[in-house]
Amino acid sequence: MKKKRGLKIAGGVLLLVVLLAVYLLLKNHNAQAEQEAGSTEEEEGVEIAAVAADDISRLTFEISGEDVSWVHGDDGWSLETDSSFPVDQDQMTNLTNQLESITASRTLENVENLDEYGLSVPSNVIQVEETDGSSLKITIGDQNSSTGDCYIYLNDDTQTVYTVASALQTVFSGSLYNFASGEDYPEITSSTITQVSVEKDENSYTLNTDDSSSTGWEVTDQNGDGKEADETEAGTLQSTIAGLSFDNYYEYNCQDLSQYGLDQPQAVITVDYTEQQEVEEEESSDSSSDEAETTDEDESEDSSADSEETETVAVDVQMKLLVGNLADDGNYYVMLDGSTEVHGISQDSLDSLLQGSAFDYWKMSVSNMSISDLDSLEVTYNGETHVLKRVVTEEPVEEEETESEDTSSEDSSEDSSEEQETETVTTYYVDDQEVESQDFTSFYSAANSMTYQERLEENDADGEEEFVLAYYDTAGNEIRVAYIPRDENFYIAADDDGNYGLVNKMTVSDLEDQFAELLESAQAEE
């Protein structure tokens, strides 16, 4: 019994020792945390430095591992080593705004190891010189992984470390040209583009608006051969051009274009477009006796108003963009024609233009004649040709009989002098037999909505023409499309302009069936 009782006492003592050790450990940890945090709650948002922008005469910080100095004078900021460098004054204002008031969210005192905060090998050192001769040095270390704040110390006080908002670190980072003012990519709206030309060693092409094209666009290859362009592809090209932007800025006064591949660019992209510009209206030279009676004050006000009047007009503008080598950062070096500035545009943005050809923009629609322009359509089917016509006439509107027969001679005279009201009537025929408009337009819509599943550069079908559609518009223009069996899956649709493409066999079969139904409908009306 005594032995068991002794074991229980020993166990209790051991447990007490363990609990005491845990207590002392937690107490020590909390004390250390409080020491690191300092008086966090009391010092949160405490201003630790402040420099007015107008008081700064010189600003130095690291860019790409080297100290770069900027000086402030009567004309604003300039680069100390190159007074002609186009300093972005707004960007320099962003820097000085960060120095107006630097506040710390935490203060760590009695710091012995700067490595813990990335301050032994700092990410940047900002040196501020003021007009009165005083100075401020800010050494920036790592970012806190939890809060995102960065660690700094001021001047040479390495034992006191502060955490401040990361904006201080962010605005003072980047390349030299992040602080340069340069030209912007022109503001081009896709709907204002009238022509795009991509000139290169092989497969140059030009896409331009064309009122005579059924799609509104024409594409021309490097040999000068033109074809109707696909409206959707043309729209995509417009959006691509309008969506371009400069992604980087490499040099403001380039004298050696060869280092960027711009002495012999791999492509030159020329864009014709319109932009709205304000122009002054000409002053009115009209005069009258009434004007002569106005006072001198009125004349002065009128003259001032006339001189300030402007109008907005659409002006033709052209942009020429030279495309050089591909840079290490994934951008193409580019330069606007006539400029000395070298910029970058992302590879993804330009590749579709650089790798494209005229063939990529050929229209995908087999025919594009609107039914409102149609005069007749000749359909050759099963060896016989049938003529489909659309006839538009103006027919008099039948007047409803009035219940009263009493009318005055004056009213009768007025009625006879007025032109009789008419209405537009459209009639559809198949082989001179009138058919229901719905039957006619249903077949025409199906035929006119046929699209190539894949474009071909040549007609490689060996078979005979099976189904032929010859469209004639009211102006006498003709579009002839022949469907030729190619294999068990596809027909080739070919027109007289040299456009070829694959069309699914089932789609052609459905179109033939619709035409057969239209013929039956016409024969039933006889």
Protein backbone atom coordinates (compact mmCIF):
# COMPACT_ATOMS: atom_id res chain seq x y z
CA MET A 1 0.00 0.00 0.00
CA LYS A 2 2.81 2.39 0.88
CA LYS A 3 4.53 1.57 -2.42
CA LYS A 4 1.46 2.41 -4.50
CA ARG A 5 0.89 5.58 -2.56
CA GLY A 6 4.52 6.62 -3.21
CA LEU A 7 4.08 6.05 -6.96
CA LYS A 8 1.00 8.26 -7.05
CA ILE A 9 2.87 11.07 -5.28
CA ALA A 10 5.82 10.78 -7.65
CA GLY A 11 3.51 10.88 -10.66
CA GLY A 12 1.76 13.97 -9.37
CA VAL A 13 5.08 15.72 -8.83
CA LEU A 14 6.17 14.84 -12.39
CA LEU A 15 2.92 16.18 -13.85
CA LEU A 16 3.34 19.38 -11.87
CA VAL A 17 6.87 19.82 -13.24
CA VAL A 18 5.62 19.34 -16.83
CA LEU A 19 2.82 21.86 -16.40
CA LEU A 20 5.24 24.35 -14.90
CA ALA A 21 7.62 23.93 -17.83
CA VAL A 22 4.81 24.50 -20.33
CA TYR A 23 3.71 27.61 -18.44
CA LEU A 24 7.24 29.07 -18.43
CA LEU A 25 7.63 28.30 -22.15
CA LEU A 26 4.38 30.03 -23.09
CA LYS A 27 5.21 32.99 -20.87
CA ASN A 28 8.62 33.38 -22.49
CA HIS A 29 7.09 33.10 -26.00
CA ASN A 30 4.47 35.76 -25.27
CA ALA A 31 7.07 38.06 -23.78
CA GLN A 32 9.22 37.68 -26.90
CA ALA A 33 6.22 38.34 -29.16
CA GLU A 34 5.36 41.46 -27.18
CA GLN A 35 8.94 42.65 -27.50
CA GLU A 36 8.94 42.09 -31.28
CA ALA A 37 5.58 43.74 -31.69
CA GLY A 38 6.53 46.63 -29.46
CA SER A 39 3.54 48.79 -28.62
CA THR A 40 1.71 47.77 -31.82
CA GLU A 41 -1.72 48.92 -30.75
CA GLU A 42 -0.43 52.28 -29.58
CA GLU A 43 1.84 52.88 -32.60
CA GLU A 44 -0.44 51.69 -35.41
CA GLY A 45 -0.49 54.36 -38.13
CA VAL A 46 2.25 56.42 -36.46
CA GLU A 47 4.04 58.75 -38.87
CA ILE A 48 7.78 58.01 -38.83
CA ALA A 49 8.92 60.31 -41.68
CA ALA A 50 7.53 63.06 -43.88
CA VAL A 51 9.05 65.03 -46.75
CA ALA A 52 7.12 67.66 -48.70
CA ALA A 53 7.39 67.20 -52.48
CA ASP A 54 8.44 70.81 -53.05
CA ASP A 55 11.30 70.40 -50.59
CA ILE A 56 12.96 67.55 -52.50
CA SER A 57 15.90 68.55 -54.68
CA ARG A 58 17.35 65.13 -55.48
CA LEU A 59 16.01 61.59 -55.34
CA THR A 60 18.12 58.45 -55.69
CA PHE A 61 17.02 54.80 -55.69
CA GLU A 62 18.07 51.53 -57.24
CA ILE A 63 16.95 50.48 -60.72
CA SER A 64 18.21 47.15 -62.08
CA GLY A 65 20.83 47.02 -59.32
CA GLU A 66 22.27 50.49 -59.95
CA ASP A 67 21.71 53.80 -58.20
CA VAL A 68 19.79 56.23 -60.41
CA SER A 69 19.44 59.88 -59.44
CA TRP A 70 16.73 62.34 -60.41
CA VAL A 71 16.97 66.08 -59.81
CA HIS A 72 14.17 68.56 -59.36
CA GLY A 73 14.36 72.04 -60.87
CA ASP A 74 12.16 74.83 -62.15
CA ASP A 75 11.14 72.75 -65.17
CA GLY A 76 10.29 69.69 -63.12
CA TRP A 77 12.18 66.42 -62.78
CA SER A 78 15.07 65.29 -64.96
CA LEU A 79 17.45 62.34 -65.06
CA GLU A 80 20.77 63.46 -63.63
CA THR A 81 22.87 61.53 -66.17
CA ASP A 82 20.73 62.46 -69.21
CA SER A 83 18.90 65.76 -69.12
CA SER A 84 17.13 64.95 -72.42
CA PHE A 85 15.55 61.78 -71.02
CA PRO A 86 11.72 62.18 -71.25
CA VAL A 87 10.85 61.94 -67.56
CA ASP A 88 7.24 61.08 -66.77
CA GLN A 89 6.39 63.92 -64.40
CA ASP A 90 3.21 62.20 -63.23
CA GLN A 91 5.17 59.10 -62.28
CA MET A 92 7.62 61.20 -60.28
CA THR A 93 4.66 62.75 -58.49
CA ASN A 94 3.58 59.23 -57.51
CA LEU A 95 7.01 58.75 -55.92
CA THR A 96 7.00 61.99 -53.97
CA ASN A 97 3.44 61.39 -52.80
CA GLN A 98 4.66 58.26 -51.02
CA LEU A 99 7.22 60.36 -49.16
CA GLU A 100 4.72 62.99 -48.00
CA SER A 101 3.81 60.81 -45.03
CA ILE A 102 5.36 57.44 -44.18
CA THR A 103 3.44 55.67 -41.42
CA ALA A 104 4.40 52.48 -39.60
CA SER A 105 1.93 49.82 -38.52
CA ARG A 106 4.55 48.10 -36.31
CA THR A 107 7.84 49.03 -34.71
CA LEU A 108 10.43 46.36 -33.85
CA GLU A 109 13.09 47.61 -31.46
CA ASN A 110 16.49 46.26 -30.49
CA VAL A 111 16.77 44.28 -33.73
CA GLU A 112 20.02 42.31 -33.86
CA ASN A 113 19.64 40.27 -37.05
CA LEU A 114 18.66 42.22 -40.19
CA ASP A 115 18.67 39.02 -42.24
CA GLU A 116 15.32 38.09 -40.72
CA TYR A 117 13.75 41.08 -42.46
CA GLY A 118 15.72 41.05 -45.73
CA LEU A 119 17.51 44.22 -44.71
CA SER A 120 21.11 43.01 -44.74
CA VAL A 121 20.82 42.77 -48.55
CA PRO A 122 18.01 45.29 -49.16
CA SER A 123 15.71 45.24 -52.18
CA ASN A 124 16.10 49.01 -52.56
CA VAL A 125 17.58 52.05 -50.87
CA ILE A 126 15.83 55.39 -51.33
CA GLN A 127 17.90 58.52 -50.65
CA VAL A 128 16.14 61.86 -50.40
CA GLU A 129 17.98 65.19 -50.44
CA GLU A 130 16.08 68.33 -49.50
CA THR A 131 16.60 71.93 -50.54
CA ASP A 132 17.65 72.91 -46.99
CA GLY A 133 20.51 70.37 -47.02
CA SER A 134 18.81 67.73 -44.86
CA SER A 135 18.45 64.15 -46.05
CA LEU A 136 16.55 60.94 -45.49
CA LYS A 137 17.56 57.37 -46.31
CA ILE A 138 15.02 54.56 -46.44
CA THR A 139 16.32 50.99 -46.64
CA ILE A 140 13.69 48.50 -47.85
CA GLY A 141 13.76 44.76 -47.14
CA ASP A 142 11.33 41.88 -47.56
CA GLN A 143 7.57 41.84 -47.48
CA ASN A 144 5.77 40.25 -44.56
CA SER A 145 4.10 37.09 -45.91
CA SER A 146 1.05 37.57 -43.68
CA THR A 147 0.30 41.29 -43.91
CA GLY A 148 1.97 42.19 -47.21
CA ASP A 149 3.71 45.14 -45.53
CA CYS A 150 7.43 45.65 -46.13
CA TYR A 151 10.22 46.05 -43.58
CA ILE A 152 12.30 49.25 -43.57
CA TYR A 153 14.72 51.12 -41.39
CA LEU A 154 15.51 54.83 -41.55
CA ASN A 155 18.92 56.41 -42.05
CA ASP A 156 21.54 54.35 -40.13
CA ASP A 157 19.35 53.18 -37.26
CA THR A 158 19.61 49.44 -37.95
CA GLN A 159 18.23 48.47 -34.53
CA THR A 160 14.75 49.86 -35.23
CA VAL A 161 12.73 48.20 -37.97
CA TYR A 162 9.32 49.34 -39.14
CA THR A 163 6.60 47.72 -41.22
CA VAL A 164 4.99 50.06 -43.74
CA ALA A 165 2.53 49.68 -46.62
CA SER A 166 3.99 47.86 -49.63
CA ALA A 167 3.14 50.81 -51.92
CA LEU A 168 6.43 52.41 -50.86
CA GLN A 169 8.29 49.43 -52.30
CA THR A 170 6.09 49.10 -55.40
CA VAL A 171 6.25 52.64 -56.79
CA PHE A 172 10.03 52.74 -56.52
CA SER A 173 10.45 49.54 -58.55
CA GLY A 174 10.60 48.73 -62.26
CA SER A 175 12.90 49.52 -65.15
CA LEU A 176 14.25 52.95 -66.08
CA TYR A 177 11.55 53.31 -68.73
CA ASN A 178 8.81 52.88 -66.17
CA PHE A 179 9.67 56.48 -65.33
CA ALA A 180 9.76 57.72 -68.92
CA SER A 181 7.07 59.54 -70.84
CA GLY A 182 6.55 58.19 -74.34
CA GLU A 183 4.09 58.08 -77.19
CA ASP A 184 1.03 55.87 -76.87
CA TYR A 185 -0.31 53.40 -79.37
CA PRO A 186 -2.82 55.34 -81.49
CA GLU A 187 -6.44 55.30 -80.35
CA ILE A 188 -8.12 53.32 -83.13
CA THR A 189 -11.72 52.18 -83.04
CA SER A 190 -12.37 48.97 -84.96
CA SER A 191 -15.37 50.40 -86.81
CA THR A 192 -13.25 53.25 -88.25
CA ILE A 193 -10.69 50.98 -89.94
CA THR A 194 -10.97 50.97 -93.73
CA GLN A 195 -7.81 49.11 -94.72
CA VAL A 196 -5.10 46.95 -93.15
CA SER A 197 -1.95 46.00 -95.04
CA VAL A 198 0.61 43.50 -93.68
CA GLU A 199 3.81 43.63 -95.70
CA LYS A 200 6.36 40.84 -95.11
CA ASP A 201 8.83 38.66 -97.00
CA GLU A 202 6.19 36.05 -97.84
CA ASN A 203 2.39 36.03 -97.92
CA SER A 204 1.83 39.77 -97.71
CA TYR A 205 -1.82 40.74 -97.82
CA THR A 206 -4.16 43.72 -97.76
CA LEU A 207 -7.70 43.76 -96.43
CA ASN A 208 -9.87 46.73 -97.42
CA THR A 209 -13.49 47.79 -97.45
CA ASP A 210 -15.18 47.33 -100.83
CA ASP A 211 -18.75 48.38 -101.59
CA SER A 212 -18.88 46.09 -104.63
CA SER A 213 -18.12 43.02 -102.51
CA SER A 214 -21.06 41.01 -101.21
CA THR A 215 -19.36 40.93 -97.81
CA GLY A 216 -18.23 44.57 -97.86
CA TRP A 217 -14.55 43.51 -97.79
CA GLU A 218 -11.88 42.44 -100.24
CA VAL A 219 -8.54 40.74 -99.53
CA THR A 220 -5.59 41.01 -101.91
CA ASP A 221 -2.49 38.81 -101.87
CA GLN A 222 1.10 39.83 -102.59
CA ASN A 223 0.58 39.18 -106.31
CA GLY A 224 -2.29 41.66 -106.45
CA ASP A 225 -4.99 39.00 -106.82
CA GLY A 226 -8.12 40.02 -104.95
CA LYS A 227 -11.05 38.02 -103.60
CA GLU A 228 -14.05 38.75 -101.46
CA ALA A 229 -13.08 38.60 -97.79
CA ASP A 230 -15.02 36.93 -95.02
CA GLU A 231 -16.95 39.51 -93.02
CA THR A 232 -16.35 37.75 -89.70
CA GLU A 233 -12.61 37.42 -90.29
CA ALA A 234 -12.45 41.06 -91.32
CA GLY A 235 -14.20 42.05 -88.09
CA THR A 236 -11.73 39.97 -86.08
CA LEU A 237 -8.83 41.72 -87.79
CA GLN A 238 -10.34 45.13 -87.02
CA SER A 239 -10.72 44.19 -83.35
CA THR A 240 -7.15 42.89 -83.22
CA ILE A 241 -5.73 46.13 -84.60
CA ALA A 242 -7.87 48.28 -82.29
CA GLY A 243 -6.92 46.14 -79.28
CA LEU A 244 -3.16 46.49 -79.65
CA SER A 245 -1.20 48.41 -77.03
CA PHE A 246 2.40 49.02 -76.06
CA ASP A 247 3.45 46.57 -73.34
CA ASN A 248 6.95 47.90 -72.75
CA TYR A 249 9.21 50.86 -73.47
CA TYR A 250 12.83 50.14 -74.41
CA GLU A 251 14.44 53.28 -75.82
CA TYR A 252 13.36 56.86 -76.39
CA ASN A 253 15.97 57.95 -78.96
CA CYS A 254 17.06 54.87 -80.86
CA GLN A 255 19.93 55.47 -83.30
CA ASP A 256 20.81 51.82 -83.92
CA LEU A 257 17.70 50.06 -85.24
CA SER A 258 19.61 46.87 -86.00
CA GLN A 259 19.81 45.84 -82.34
CA TYR A 260 16.02 45.50 -82.37
CA GLY A 261 15.66 44.11 -85.90
CA LEU A 262 13.93 47.32 -86.94
CA ASP A 263 16.43 48.27 -89.66
CA GLN A 264 14.95 45.45 -91.73
CA PRO A 265 11.63 44.75 -90.01
CA GLN A 266 10.04 41.36 -90.45
CA ALA A 267 6.70 43.07 -91.07
CA VAL A 268 5.24 46.51 -91.68
CA ILE A 269 1.60 46.89 -90.65
CA THR A 270 -0.18 49.84 -92.25
CA VAL A 271 -3.63 50.82 -91.00
CA ASP A 272 -5.91 53.35 -92.68
CA TYR A 273 -8.71 54.66 -90.48
CA THR A 274 -10.72 57.76 -89.71
CA GLU A 275 -10.80 59.82 -86.55
CA GLN A 276 -12.97 62.67 -85.39
CA GLN A 277 -11.18 66.01 -85.28
CA GLU A 278 -12.43 69.45 -84.37
CA VAL A 279 -11.99 72.18 -86.96
CA GLU A 280 -12.91 75.83 -86.75
CA GLU A 281 -15.92 76.89 -88.78
CA GLU A 282 -15.48 79.77 -91.18
CA GLU A 283 -16.87 83.08 -89.89
CA SER A 284 -20.06 84.17 -91.57
CA SER A 285 -19.57 87.06 -94.00
CA ASP A 286 -23.30 87.73 -94.41
CA SER A 287 -24.42 91.20 -93.50
CA SER A 288 -27.74 93.01 -93.41
CA SER A 289 -29.23 96.31 -92.40
CA ASP A 290 -30.33 94.70 -89.12
CA GLU A 291 -26.73 93.81 -88.29
CA ALA A 292 -25.68 97.36 -88.92
CA GLU A 293 -27.99 98.51 -86.16
CA THR A 294 -26.41 96.33 -83.46
CA THR A 295 -24.33 97.98 -80.78
CA ASP A 296 -20.56 97.73 -80.60
CA GLU A 297 -20.88 95.49 -77.54
CA ASP A 298 -23.19 93.07 -79.36
CA GLU A 299 -20.83 92.95 -82.35
CA SER A 300 -17.93 92.17 -80.04
CA GLU A 301 -19.83 89.34 -78.37
CA ASP A 302 -20.99 87.91 -81.71
CA SER A 303 -17.49 88.08 -83.14
CA SER A 304 -16.07 86.28 -80.11
CA ALA A 305 -18.72 83.57 -80.32
CA ASP A 306 -18.12 83.06 -84.06
CA SER A 307 -14.37 82.67 -83.60
CA GLU A 308 -14.86 79.95 -80.99
CA GLU A 309 -17.32 77.84 -82.99
CA THR A 310 -15.95 74.48 -84.10
CA GLU A 311 -17.31 71.40 -85.82
CA THR A 312 -16.25 67.78 -85.68
CA VAL A 313 -15.37 66.06 -88.95
CA ALA A 314 -14.02 62.62 -89.89
CA VAL A 315 -10.43 62.84 -91.09
CA ASP A 316 -8.48 60.09 -92.89
CA VAL A 317 -5.46 58.95 -90.85
CA GLN A 318 -2.76 56.36 -91.50
CA MET A 319 -0.60 54.47 -88.99
CA LYS A 320 2.47 52.48 -90.02
CA LEU A 321 3.95 50.07 -87.46
CA LEU A 322 7.37 48.46 -87.92
CA VAL A 323 7.77 45.02 -86.29
CA GLY A 324 11.27 43.82 -85.40
CA ASN A 325 12.73 40.91 -83.45
CA LEU A 326 11.16 39.02 -80.59
CA ALA A 327 12.49 40.24 -77.22
CA ASP A 328 13.36 38.05 -74.24
CA ASP A 329 10.28 39.28 -72.37
CA GLY A 330 7.90 37.85 -74.97
CA ASN A 331 7.23 41.13 -76.80
CA TYR A 332 8.01 42.08 -80.36
CA TYR A 333 10.12 45.21 -80.69
CA VAL A 334 7.98 47.76 -82.55
CA MET A 335 8.31 51.35 -83.70
CA LEU A 336 5.87 53.78 -85.25
CA ASP A 337 7.06 55.03 -88.61
CA GLY A 338 8.88 58.34 -88.21
CA SER A 339 9.47 57.85 -84.48
CA THR A 340 12.69 57.17 -82.56
CA GLU A 341 10.96 55.35 -79.70
CA VAL A 342 11.19 51.57 -79.40
CA HIS A 343 8.25 49.86 -77.68
CA GLY A 344 7.00 46.33 -77.27
CA ILE A 345 3.77 44.58 -78.24
CA SER A 346 3.02 41.09 -76.94
CA GLN A 347 3.69 38.12 -79.21
CA ASP A 348 0.16 36.79 -78.74
CA SER A 349 -1.31 40.06 -79.99
CA LEU A 350 0.73 40.18 -83.20
CA ASP A 351 1.16 36.53 -84.21
CA SER A 352 -2.24 36.28 -85.92
CA LEU A 353 -1.28 39.25 -88.12
CA LEU A 354 2.28 38.13 -88.82
CA GLN A 355 1.45 34.52 -89.57
CA GLY A 356 -1.69 35.21 -91.60
CA SER A 357 -2.11 35.24 -95.37
CA ALA A 358 -4.77 36.37 -97.84
CA PHE A 359 -6.13 32.83 -97.94
CA ASP A 360 -7.04 33.03 -94.23
CA TYR A 361 -9.42 35.89 -95.00
CA TRP A 362 -11.25 34.45 -98.01
CA LYS A 363 -14.98 34.50 -97.46
CA MET A 364 -16.55 31.40 -95.90
CA SER A 365 -20.02 32.03 -97.31
CA VAL A 366 -20.71 30.29 -100.59
CA SER A 367 -22.90 33.16 -101.86
CA ASN A 368 -23.98 36.44 -100.36
CA MET A 369 -26.63 37.88 -102.67
CA SER A 370 -29.42 39.37 -100.63
CA ILE A 371 -32.89 38.37 -101.78
CA SER A 372 -33.77 42.06 -102.00
CA ASP A 373 -31.14 42.37 -104.79
CA LEU A 374 -32.21 39.20 -106.60
CA ASP A 375 -33.68 39.34 -110.07
CA SER A 376 -33.52 35.64 -110.96
CA LEU A 377 -31.90 32.38 -109.96
CA GLU A 378 -31.19 29.57 -112.42
CA VAL A 379 -31.02 26.16 -110.77
CA THR A 380 -29.63 23.17 -112.66
CA TYR A 381 -30.83 19.97 -111.03
CA ASN A 382 -30.97 16.42 -112.43
CA GLY A 383 -29.80 17.74 -115.79
CA GLU A 384 -32.60 20.32 -116.12
CA THR A 385 -32.41 24.07 -115.58
CA HIS A 386 -35.22 25.88 -113.79
CA VAL A 387 -35.64 29.63 -113.52
CA LEU A 388 -36.70 31.23 -110.25
CA LYS A 389 -37.72 34.87 -110.43
CA ARG A 390 -38.56 37.61 -107.99
CA VAL A 391 -40.80 40.32 -109.45
CA VAL A 392 -41.51 43.60 -107.65
CA THR A 393 -44.41 45.78 -108.83
CA GLU A 394 -46.37 48.79 -107.61
CA GLU A 395 -50.06 47.94 -107.39
CA PRO A 396 -52.95 50.37 -106.74
CA VAL A 397 -54.54 50.10 -103.33
CA GLU A 398 -58.20 49.11 -103.57
CA GLU A 399 -60.41 51.75 -101.96
CA GLU A 400 -63.23 50.67 -99.70
CA GLU A 401 -66.76 51.56 -100.90
CA THR A 402 -68.42 54.33 -98.88
CA GLU A 403 -72.01 53.93 -97.60
CA SER A 404 -73.02 57.47 -98.52
CA GLU A 405 -73.45 58.26 -102.18
CA ASP A 406 -73.91 62.01 -101.59
CA THR A 407 -70.69 63.82 -102.40
CA SER A 408 -70.19 67.41 -103.44
CA SER A 409 -68.73 68.34 -106.79
CA GLU A 410 -65.87 70.06 -104.95
CA ASP A 411 -64.90 66.85 -103.11
CA SER A 412 -65.14 64.91 -106.34
CA SER A 413 -62.79 67.34 -108.03
CA GLU A 414 -60.25 67.08 -105.21
CA ASP A 415 -60.33 63.25 -105.30
CA SER A 416 -59.75 63.12 -109.03
CA SER A 417 -56.77 65.46 -108.79
CA GLU A 418 -55.02 63.35 -106.14
CA GLU A 419 -52.70 60.48 -107.19
CA GLN A 420 -54.04 57.05 -106.45
CA GLU A 421 -52.30 55.32 -103.53
CA THR A 422 -50.11 52.29 -104.42
CA GLU A 423 -48.35 49.50 -102.56
CA THR A 424 -45.25 47.40 -103.33
CA VAL A 425 -46.06 43.80 -104.19
CA THR A 426 -43.41 41.07 -104.51
CA THR A 427 -44.30 37.94 -106.44
CA TYR A 428 -42.20 34.78 -106.74
CA TYR A 429 -42.13 32.41 -109.73
CA VAL A 430 -40.67 29.02 -110.59
CA ASP A 431 -40.58 28.44 -114.34
CA ASP A 432 -43.16 31.24 -114.78
CA GLN A 433 -45.48 29.60 -112.27
CA GLU A 434 -46.32 31.73 -109.22
CA VAL A 435 -45.48 30.04 -105.90
CA GLU A 436 -46.01 30.83 -102.25
CA SER A 437 -43.51 33.38 -100.98
CA GLN A 438 -42.72 31.25 -97.93
CA ASP A 439 -41.75 28.25 -100.08
CA PHE A 440 -39.56 30.40 -102.31
CA THR A 441 -37.81 32.35 -99.55
CA SER A 442 -37.28 29.23 -97.43
CA PHE A 443 -35.30 27.55 -100.23
CA TYR A 444 -33.45 30.77 -101.08
CA SER A 445 -32.46 31.31 -97.46
CA ALA A 446 -31.08 27.78 -97.21
CA ALA A 447 -29.10 28.20 -100.44
CA ASN A 448 -27.77 31.61 -99.46
CA SER A 449 -26.71 30.51 -95.98
CA MET A 450 -24.42 27.74 -97.23
CA THR A 451 -20.89 28.09 -95.86
CA TYR A 452 -17.61 26.35 -96.51
CA GLN A 453 -16.61 23.90 -93.82
CA GLU A 454 -13.04 24.39 -94.99
CA ARG A 455 -11.54 26.68 -97.63
CA LEU A 456 -9.47 25.21 -100.48
CA GLU A 457 -6.87 26.92 -102.62
CA GLU A 458 -7.75 24.76 -105.64
CA ASN A 459 -10.52 22.53 -106.94
CA ASP A 460 -9.32 18.94 -106.56
CA ALA A 461 -12.65 17.24 -107.34
CA ASP A 462 -12.80 14.85 -110.30
CA GLY A 463 -16.59 14.56 -110.58
CA GLU A 464 -19.14 16.45 -112.66
CA GLU A 465 -21.21 19.39 -111.49
CA GLU A 466 -24.30 17.97 -109.80
CA PHE A 467 -26.17 21.01 -108.50
CA VAL A 468 -25.62 24.49 -109.95
CA LEU A 469 -27.02 27.85 -108.79
CA ALA A 470 -26.59 30.93 -110.97
CA TYR A 471 -27.66 34.14 -109.21
CA TYR A 472 -28.45 37.33 -111.16
CA ASP A 473 -29.08 40.59 -109.35
CA THR A 474 -31.09 43.59 -110.50
CA ALA A 475 -27.89 45.30 -111.71
CA GLY A 476 -26.99 42.37 -114.00
CA ASN A 477 -24.23 40.89 -111.82
CA GLU A 478 -23.88 37.09 -111.70
CA ILE A 479 -22.71 34.63 -109.03
CA ARG A 480 -22.46 31.03 -110.24
CA VAL A 481 -21.92 28.27 -107.68
CA ALA A 482 -21.48 24.60 -108.61
CA TYR A 483 -21.59 21.70 -106.16
CA ILE A 484 -19.32 18.83 -107.23
CA PRO A 485 -19.07 15.46 -105.42
CA ARG A 486 -15.59 14.97 -103.97
CA ASP A 487 -15.79 11.90 -101.73
CA GLU A 488 -18.26 10.07 -99.51
CA ASN A 489 -18.37 12.96 -97.02
CA PHE A 490 -17.96 16.20 -98.95
CA TYR A 491 -18.89 18.20 -101.99
CA ILE A 492 -16.72 20.98 -103.35
CA ALA A 493 -18.53 24.27 -103.81
CA ALA A 494 -16.85 26.28 -106.57
CA ASP A 495 -17.70 29.65 -108.06
CA ASP A 496 -16.46 31.43 -111.18
CA ASP A 497 -14.21 33.75 -109.11
CA GLY A 498 -11.98 30.85 -108.10
CA ASN A 499 -13.37 30.33 -104.61
CA TYR A 500 -13.39 26.71 -103.50
CA GLY A 501 -14.35 24.97 -100.30
CA LEU A 502 -15.66 21.80 -98.73
CA VAL A 503 -19.36 21.50 -97.95
CA ASN A 504 -20.84 18.60 -96.02
CA LYS A 505 -22.57 16.10 -98.30
CA MET A 506 -25.67 15.92 -96.09
CA THR A 507 -26.06 19.70 -96.24
CA VAL A 508 -26.09 19.64 -100.05
CA SER A 509 -28.51 16.72 -100.02
CA ASP A 510 -30.89 18.69 -97.77
CA LEU A 511 -30.69 21.68 -100.13
CA GLU A 512 -31.55 19.47 -103.10
CA ASP A 513 -34.52 18.05 -101.21
CA GLN A 514 -35.79 21.57 -100.48
CA PHE A 515 -35.55 22.46 -104.14
CA ALA A 516 -37.44 19.29 -105.11
CA GLU A 517 -40.23 20.32 -102.72
CA LEU A 518 -40.30 23.81 -104.27
CA LEU A 519 -40.69 22.25 -107.75
CA GLU A 520 -43.55 20.08 -106.52
CA SER A 521 -45.21 23.15 -105.02
CA ALA A 522 -44.96 24.98 -108.37
CA GLN A 523 -46.32 22.04 -110.32
CA ALA A 524 -49.24 21.73 -107.89
CA GLU A 525 -50.21 25.35 -108.62
CA GLU A 526 -50.58 24.67 -112.37
